[in-house]
């Protein structure tokens, strides 16, 4: 019983420590995207997998004022913010092209709105 409570306490501590770094994980993915992929992509809301001690971070295609949709994902270690896997960059570009075609009118409207501001 004491061992089970200790294990539960460790799991709760792990979850709370990792949850506190969710913003840092998104920042880590955003730095990668800006430096390696392009400014039309950003990290979405990170989801913690406590058992695997990793975060799943969706990669989104964005334009000023409009989020077109998900084009991939990154898997990030919970404690050192190291990206262990991500969708291939060419796959992200291909998915972004499809989203651009599908949401052409909305993207154009968002750009026009952003220009007026």
Protein backbone atom coordinates (compact mmCIF):
# COMPACT_ATOMS: atom_id res chain seq x y z
CA UNK A 1 0.00 0.00 0.00
CA UNK A 2 2.77 2.45 0.94
CA UNK A 3 4.62 1.53 -2.25
CA UNK A 4 1.49 2.18 -4.34
CA UNK A 5 0.98 5.59 -2.72
CA UNK A 6 4.62 6.46 -3.34
CA UNK A 7 4.28 5.47 -7.00
CA UNK A 8 1.09 7.54 -7.32
CA UNK A 9 2.85 10.53 -5.76
CA UNK A 10 5.72 10.20 -8.24
CA UNK A 11 3.26 9.96 -11.15
CA UNK A 12 1.39 13.05 -9.97
CA UNK A 13 4.67 14.92 -9.50
CA UNK A 14 5.77 13.86 -12.97
CA UNK A 15 2.50 15.07 -14.48
CA UNK A 16 2.56 18.42 -12.66
CA UNK A 17 6.24 19.08 -13.50
CA UNK A 18 5.68 18.23 -17.15
CA UNK A 19 2.42 20.18 -17.36
CA UNK A 20 4.18 23.25 -16.05
CA UNK A 21 6.56 23.01 -19.00
CA UNK A 22 3.86 22.74 -21.69
CA UNK A 23 4.51 26.32 -22.77
CA UNK A 24 8.24 25.60 -22.96
CA UNK A 25 7.58 22.54 -25.11
CA UNK A 26 5.53 24.61 -27.56
CA UNK A 27 8.30 27.23 -27.62
CA UNK A 28 10.86 24.52 -28.38
CA UNK A 29 8.78 23.26 -31.31
CA UNK A 30 8.18 26.82 -32.55
CA UNK A 31 11.94 27.51 -32.53
CA UNK A 32 12.49 24.37 -34.59
CA UNK A 33 9.74 25.30 -37.03
CA UNK A 34 11.00 28.85 -37.50
CA UNK A 35 14.59 27.79 -38.03
CA UNK A 36 14.06 24.61 -40.06
CA UNK A 37 10.64 24.70 -41.71
CA UNK A 38 9.22 28.19 -42.12
CA UNK A 39 7.14 30.92 -40.56
CA UNK A 40 3.84 29.60 -41.91
CA UNK A 41 3.82 26.87 -39.25
CA UNK A 42 3.42 26.92 -35.47
CA UNK A 43 3.00 24.55 -32.56
CA UNK A 44 -0.50 23.76 -31.38
CA UNK A 45 -1.63 22.80 -27.89
CA UNK A 46 0.74 20.20 -26.44
CA UNK A 47 -0.70 16.97 -25.03
CA UNK A 48 1.19 15.10 -22.32
CA UNK A 49 1.62 11.32 -22.38
CA UNK A 50 2.60 10.64 -18.77
CA UNK A 51 3.42 6.98 -19.38
CA UNK A 52 5.81 7.69 -22.25
CA UNK A 53 7.09 10.92 -20.63
CA UNK A 54 6.59 12.75 -23.91
CA UNK A 55 4.48 15.54 -25.33
CA UNK A 56 2.60 15.29 -28.61
CA UNK A 57 2.53 18.70 -30.26
CA UNK A 58 0.42 19.25 -33.37
CA UNK A 59 2.04 21.37 -36.06
CA UNK A 60 -0.37 23.87 -37.58
CA UNK A 61 -0.33 25.85 -40.79
CA UNK A 62 -1.17 29.46 -39.97
CA UNK A 63 -1.61 32.75 -41.76
CA UNK A 64 -2.27 36.15 -40.18
CA UNK A 65 -5.65 35.81 -38.50
CA UNK A 66 -6.38 32.24 -39.64
CA UNK A 67 -5.35 28.73 -38.58
CA UNK A 68 -5.80 26.52 -41.64
CA UNK A 69 -5.27 23.20 -39.86
CA UNK A 70 -2.85 20.52 -38.74
CA UNK A 71 -0.02 19.50 -41.08
CA UNK A 72 1.98 17.23 -38.80
CA UNK A 73 3.18 16.60 -35.28
CA UNK A 74 6.26 16.64 -33.12
CA UNK A 75 7.04 14.31 -30.24
CA UNK A 76 9.04 16.00 -27.49
CA UNK A 77 10.67 14.50 -24.40
CA UNK A 78 8.95 15.84 -21.30
CA UNK A 79 12.03 16.81 -19.31
CA UNK A 80 14.65 18.10 -21.69
CA UNK A 81 12.45 19.58 -24.41
CA UNK A 82 14.24 17.54 -27.07
CA UNK A 83 12.26 16.76 -30.22
CA UNK A 84 12.58 13.03 -30.78
CA UNK A 85 10.35 12.76 -33.88
CA UNK A 86 8.48 15.03 -36.22
CA UNK A 87 6.55 14.81 -39.45
CA UNK A 88 8.81 14.99 -42.48
CA UNK A 89 9.19 18.60 -43.67
CA UNK A 90 8.15 17.71 -47.24
CA UNK A 91 4.98 16.08 -45.87
CA UNK A 92 4.21 19.28 -43.93
CA UNK A 93 4.63 21.37 -47.09
CA UNK A 94 2.37 19.00 -49.06
CA UNK A 95 -0.31 19.10 -46.36
CA UNK A 96 -0.02 22.92 -46.25
CA UNK A 97 -0.56 23.09 -50.02
CA UNK A 98 -3.74 21.04 -49.66
CA UNK A 99 -4.98 23.29 -46.84
CA UNK A 100 -4.21 26.40 -48.91
CA UNK A 101 -6.33 25.04 -51.76
CA UNK A 102 -9.17 24.01 -49.44
CA UNK A 103 -9.23 27.31 -47.49
CA UNK A 104 -8.20 29.73 -50.23
CA UNK A 105 -11.07 32.19 -49.69
CA UNK A 106 -10.70 32.24 -45.89
CA UNK A 107 -6.92 32.73 -46.13
CA UNK A 108 -7.35 35.59 -48.60
CA UNK A 109 -9.94 37.24 -46.34
CA UNK A 110 -7.69 36.89 -43.29
CA UNK A 111 -4.78 38.49 -45.16
CA UNK A 112 -6.96 41.40 -46.29
CA UNK A 113 -8.20 41.90 -42.74
CA UNK A 114 -4.63 41.82 -41.39
CA UNK A 115 -3.51 44.44 -43.92
CA UNK A 116 -6.17 46.88 -42.71
CA UNK A 117 -5.01 46.70 -39.10
